[in-house]
C-alpha atoms as a PDB file:
ATOM      1  CA  MET A   1       0.000   0.000   0.000  1.00  0.00           C
ATOM      2  CA  LEU A   2       1.243   3.462  -0.905  1.00  0.00           C
ATOM      3  CA  THR A   3       1.160   6.463   1.395  1.00  0.00           C
ATOM      4  CA  TYR A   4       0.362   9.848  -0.094  1.00  0.00           C
ATOM      5  CA  ALA A   5       2.314  12.624   1.681  1.00  0.00           C
ATOM      6  CA  ASP A   6       1.199  16.238   1.574  1.00  0.00           C
ATOM      7  CA  GLY A   7       3.588  19.161   2.022  1.00  0.00           C
ATOM      8  CA  SER A   8       3.120  19.235   5.789  1.00  0.00           C
ATOM      9  CA  ALA A   9       4.442  15.675   5.995  1.00  0.00           C
ATOM     10  CA  LEU A  10       7.306  16.132   3.546  1.00  0.00           C
ATOM     11  CA  GLY A  11       8.319  19.315   5.353  1.00  0.00           C
ATOM     12  CA  ARG A  12       8.727  17.487   8.688  1.00  0.00           C
ATOM     13  CA  ALA A  13      12.134  16.336   7.502  1.00  0.00           C
ATOM     14  CA  LEU A  14      13.347  19.938   7.383  1.00  0.00           C
ATOM     15  CA  ALA A  15      12.708  20.886  11.001  1.00  0.00           C
ATOM     16  CA  PRO A  16      15.246  19.879  13.630  1.00  0.00           C
ATOM     17  CA  GLY A  17      14.171  17.608  16.446  1.00  0.00           C
ATOM     18  CA  PRO A  18      12.347  14.385  17.179  1.00  0.00           C
ATOM     19  CA  GLU A  19       9.530  14.944  14.667  1.00  0.00           C
ATOM     20  CA  ALA A  20      12.028  15.059  11.811  1.00  0.00           C
ATOM     21  CA  ALA A  21      13.699  11.878  13.022  1.00  0.00           C
ATOM     22  CA  SER A  22      10.331  10.127  13.371  1.00  0.00           C
ATOM     23  CA  TRP A  23       9.218  11.191   9.895  1.00  0.00           C
ATOM     24  CA  LEU A  24      12.527  10.249   8.254  1.00  0.00           C
ATOM     25  CA  ARG A  25      12.573   6.835   9.926  1.00  0.00           C
ATOM     26  CA  TRP A  26       8.937   6.102   9.076  1.00  0.00           C
ATOM     27  CA  SER A  27       9.149   7.330   5.473  1.00  0.00           C
ATOM     28  CA  SER A  28      12.268   5.251   4.823  1.00  0.00           C
ATOM     29  CA  GLU A  29      10.314   2.119   5.753  1.00  0.00           C
ATOM     30  CA  HIS A  30       7.192   2.818   3.635  1.00  0.00           C
ATOM     31  CA  GLU A  31       6.396   3.595   0.029  1.00  0.00           C
ATOM     32  CA  VAL A  32       5.632   7.303  -0.031  1.00  0.00           C
ATOM     33  CA  VAL A  33       4.296   9.243  -3.003  1.00  0.00           C
ATOM     34  CA  THR A  34       3.353  12.864  -3.423  1.00  0.00           C
ATOM     35  CA  SER A  35       2.156  15.179  -6.154  1.00  0.00           C
ATOM     36  CA  PRO A  36       3.631  18.244  -7.818  1.00  0.00           C
ATOM     37  CA  LEU A  37       1.593  20.217  -5.277  1.00  0.00           C
ATOM     38  CA  GLY A  38       3.297  18.415  -2.370  1.00  0.00           C
ATOM     39  CA  LEU A  39       6.692  19.235  -3.864  1.00  0.00           C
ATOM     40  CA  THR A  40       5.695  22.862  -4.314  1.00  0.00           C
ATOM     41  CA  GLU A  41       4.698  23.082  -0.649  1.00  0.00           C
ATOM     42  CA  LEU A  42       7.980  21.448   0.392  1.00  0.00           C
ATOM     43  CA  ARG A  43      10.041  23.855  -1.707  1.00  0.00           C
ATOM     44  CA  ARG A  44       8.102  26.859  -0.446  1.00  0.00           C
ATOM     45  CA  LEU A  45       8.711  25.828   3.157  1.00  0.00           C
ATOM     46  CA  ALA A  46      12.420  25.329   2.479  1.00  0.00           C
ATOM     47  CA  GLN A  47      12.818  28.799   0.934  1.00  0.00           C
ATOM     48  CA  GLY A  48      12.787  30.467   4.332  1.00  0.00           C
ATOM     49  CA  MET A  49      15.259  28.048   5.865  1.00  0.00           C
ATOM     50  CA  ASP A  50      19.023  27.627   5.933  1.00  0.00           C
ATOM     51  CA  PRO A  51      21.057  26.028   3.110  1.00  0.00           C
ATOM     52  CA  VAL A  52      21.114  22.635   4.847  1.00  0.00           C
ATOM     53  CA  ALA A  53      17.313  22.496   4.960  1.00  0.00           C
ATOM     54  CA  ARG A  54      17.059  23.646   1.341  1.00  0.00           C
ATOM     55  CA  GLU A  55      19.454  20.896   0.281  1.00  0.00           C
ATOM     56  CA  LYS A  56      17.471  18.356   2.270  1.00  0.00           C
ATOM     57  CA  ALA A  57      14.294  19.508   0.500  1.00  0.00           C
ATOM     58  CA  ARG A  58      16.012  19.154  -2.863  1.00  0.00           C
ATOM     59  CA  ARG A  59      17.064  15.573  -2.024  1.00  0.00           C
ATOM     60  CA  ILE A  60      13.550  14.691  -0.882  1.00  0.00           C
ATOM     61  CA  ALA A  61      12.102  16.111  -4.100  1.00  0.00           C
ATOM     62  CA  ASP A  62      14.569  14.071  -6.161  1.00  0.00           C
ATOM     63  CA  GLU A  63      13.870  10.829  -4.287  1.00  0.00           C
ATOM     64  CA  VAL A  64      10.109  10.779  -3.692  1.00  0.00           C
ATOM     65  CA  THR A  65       7.809   9.245  -6.299  1.00  0.00           C
ATOM     66  CA  VAL A  66       5.548  11.872  -7.832  1.00  0.00           C
ATOM     67  CA  VAL A  67       2.050  10.967  -8.972  1.00  0.00           C
ATOM     68  CA  ARG A  68       0.293  13.233 -11.391  1.00  0.00           C
ATOM     69  CA  PHE A  69      -3.102  14.836 -11.100  1.00  0.00           C
ATOM     70  CA  PHE A  70      -5.699  12.834 -12.983  1.00  0.00           C
ATOM     71  CA  ASP A  71      -9.356  13.384 -13.820  1.00  0.00           C
ATOM     72  CA  GLN A  72     -10.698  11.072 -11.110  1.00  0.00           C
ATOM     73  CA  SER A  73      -8.874  13.033  -8.423  1.00  0.00           C
ATOM     74  CA  LEU A  74     -10.711  16.207  -9.346  1.00  0.00           C
ATOM     75  CA  LYS A  75     -14.108  14.643  -8.600  1.00  0.00           C
ATOM     76  CA  SER A  76     -13.176  13.899  -4.975  1.00  0.00           C
ATOM     77  CA  ALA A  77     -11.359  17.216  -4.675  1.00  0.00           C
ATOM     78  CA  ALA A  78     -14.436  19.106  -5.835  1.00  0.00           C
ATOM     79  CA  MET A  79     -16.601  17.342  -3.258  1.00  0.00           C
ATOM     80  CA  ALA A  80     -14.128  18.050  -0.438  1.00  0.00           C
ATOM     81  CA  SER A  81     -13.519  21.669  -1.406  1.00  0.00           C
ATOM     82  CA  SER A  82     -16.449  22.848   0.691  1.00  0.00           C
ATOM     83  CA  VAL A  83     -14.607  21.654   3.810  1.00  0.00           C
ATOM     84  CA  LEU A  84     -10.905  21.719   2.953  1.00  0.00           C
ATOM     85  CA  THR A  85      -8.649  24.427   1.588  1.00  0.00           C
ATOM     86  CA  PRO A  86      -8.190  24.157  -2.175  1.00  0.00           C
ATOM     87  CA  PHE A  87      -4.769  22.542  -1.737  1.00  0.00           C
ATOM     88  CA  GLY A  88      -6.061  20.179   0.944  1.00  0.00           C
ATOM     89  CA  ALA A  89      -8.904  19.153  -1.359  1.00  0.00           C
ATOM     90  CA  ILE A  90      -6.451  18.418  -4.173  1.00  0.00           C
ATOM     91  CA  HIS A  91      -4.268  16.315  -1.855  1.00  0.00           C
ATOM     92  CA  LEU A  92      -7.315  14.378  -0.701  1.00  0.00           C
ATOM     93  CA  GLY A  93      -8.602  13.930  -4.247  1.00  0.00           C
ATOM     94  CA  ILE A  94      -5.323  12.437  -5.423  1.00  0.00           C
ATOM     95  CA  ALA A  95      -5.086  10.099  -2.435  1.00  0.00           C
ATOM     96  CA  VAL A  96      -8.698   8.921  -2.745  1.00  0.00           C
ATOM     97  CA  ALA A  97      -8.564   8.365  -6.498  1.00  0.00           C
ATOM     98  CA  HIS A  98      -5.198   6.601  -6.668  1.00  0.00           C
ATOM     99  CA  PRO A  99      -5.886   2.843  -6.607  1.00  0.00           C
ATOM    100  CA  ASP A 100      -2.721   1.973  -4.653  1.00  0.00           C
ATOM    101  CA  VAL A 101      -2.927   4.686  -1.976  1.00  0.00           C
ATOM    102  CA  GLY A 102      -4.430   3.602   1.329  1.00  0.00           C
ATOM    103  CA  ARG A 103      -2.827   6.115   3.683  1.00  0.00           C
ATOM    104  CA  VAL A 104      -2.301   9.828   3.910  1.00  0.00           C
ATOM    105  CA  ALA A 105       0.679  11.260   5.753  1.00  0.00           C
ATOM    106  CA  THR A 106      -0.226  14.709   7.015  1.00  0.00           C
ATOM    107  CA  TYR A 107       0.080  17.049   9.967  1.00  0.00           C
ATOM    108  CA  ASP A 108      -2.922  19.091   8.844  1.00  0.00           C
ATOM    109  CA  PRO A 109      -5.801  18.417  11.272  1.00  0.00           C
ATOM    110  CA  LEU A 110      -8.608  19.142   8.830  1.00  0.00           C
ATOM    111  CA  LEU A 111      -7.108  17.014   6.068  1.00  0.00           C
ATOM    112  CA  ALA A 112      -6.608  14.200   8.581  1.00  0.00           C
ATOM    113  CA  LYS A 113     -10.250  14.332   9.687  1.00  0.00           C
ATOM    114  CA  VAL A 114     -11.613  14.316   6.150  1.00  0.00           C
ATOM    115  CA  ALA A 115      -9.201  11.602   4.960  1.00  0.00           C
ATOM    116  CA  VAL A 116     -10.533   9.289   7.669  1.00  0.00           C
ATOM    117  CA  ILE A 117     -14.093   9.966   6.497  1.00  0.00           C
ATOM    118  CA  TYR A 118     -13.000   8.880   3.012  1.00  0.00           C
ATOM    119  CA  GLY A 119     -11.649   5.613   4.432  1.00  0.00           C
ATOM    120  CA  LEU A 120      -7.967   6.449   4.333  1.00  0.00           C
ATOM    121  CA  GLU A 121      -5.620   5.652   7.183  1.00  0.00           C
ATOM    122  CA  VAL A 122      -3.821   8.753   8.493  1.00  0.00           C
ATOM    123  CA  VAL A 123      -0.241   8.674   9.702  1.00  0.00           C
ATOM    124  CA  SER A 124       1.714  11.459  11.365  1.00  0.00           C
ATOM    125  CA  PRO A 125       4.998   9.965  12.597  1.00  0.00           C
ATOM    126  CA  GLY A 126       6.131  11.512  15.866  1.00  0.00           C
ATOM    127  CA  TRP A 127       2.608  12.528  16.874  1.00  0.00           C
ATOM    128  CA  PRO A 128       0.125  10.484  18.936  1.00  0.00           C
ATOM    129  CA  ASP A 129      -2.322   8.188  17.160  1.00  0.00           C
ATOM    130  CA  ARG A 130      -5.535   9.956  16.157  1.00  0.00           C
ATOM    131  CA  TRP A 131      -4.137  13.304  17.367  1.00  0.00           C
ATOM    132  CA  TRP A 132      -6.593  15.170  15.141  1.00  0.00           C
ATOM    133  CA  GLU A 133      -9.508  14.041  17.343  1.00  0.00           C
ATOM    134  CA  SER A 134      -8.410  16.017  20.388  1.00  0.00           C
END
């Protein structure tokens, strides 16, 4: 099963501390994919950081598998857009429509809540299970 990672998950690797270590360990043990949008969010986050973080973002972008937007993803995104931000809806749409994705890696509470409603497992390495419920 693939895990779709949004920008909030990919960006965890850039911050120092235990969350970065948890994310890097977890993501190295699972098949993680993202979209061009996820990479854009990662790069945007890295812009305001030091050269080491920017280089780390570049390596992540080079190594992660990128899935493209496809027509089926827009249907789910359109339905979720009344609840999620436009980018969150696109992330959800891609994850829901991709036949091999069963999990979403995110640190966005609203995306986590809606992903669960759509039957996706949510993972946020370094954070407690079902953190978005509290």
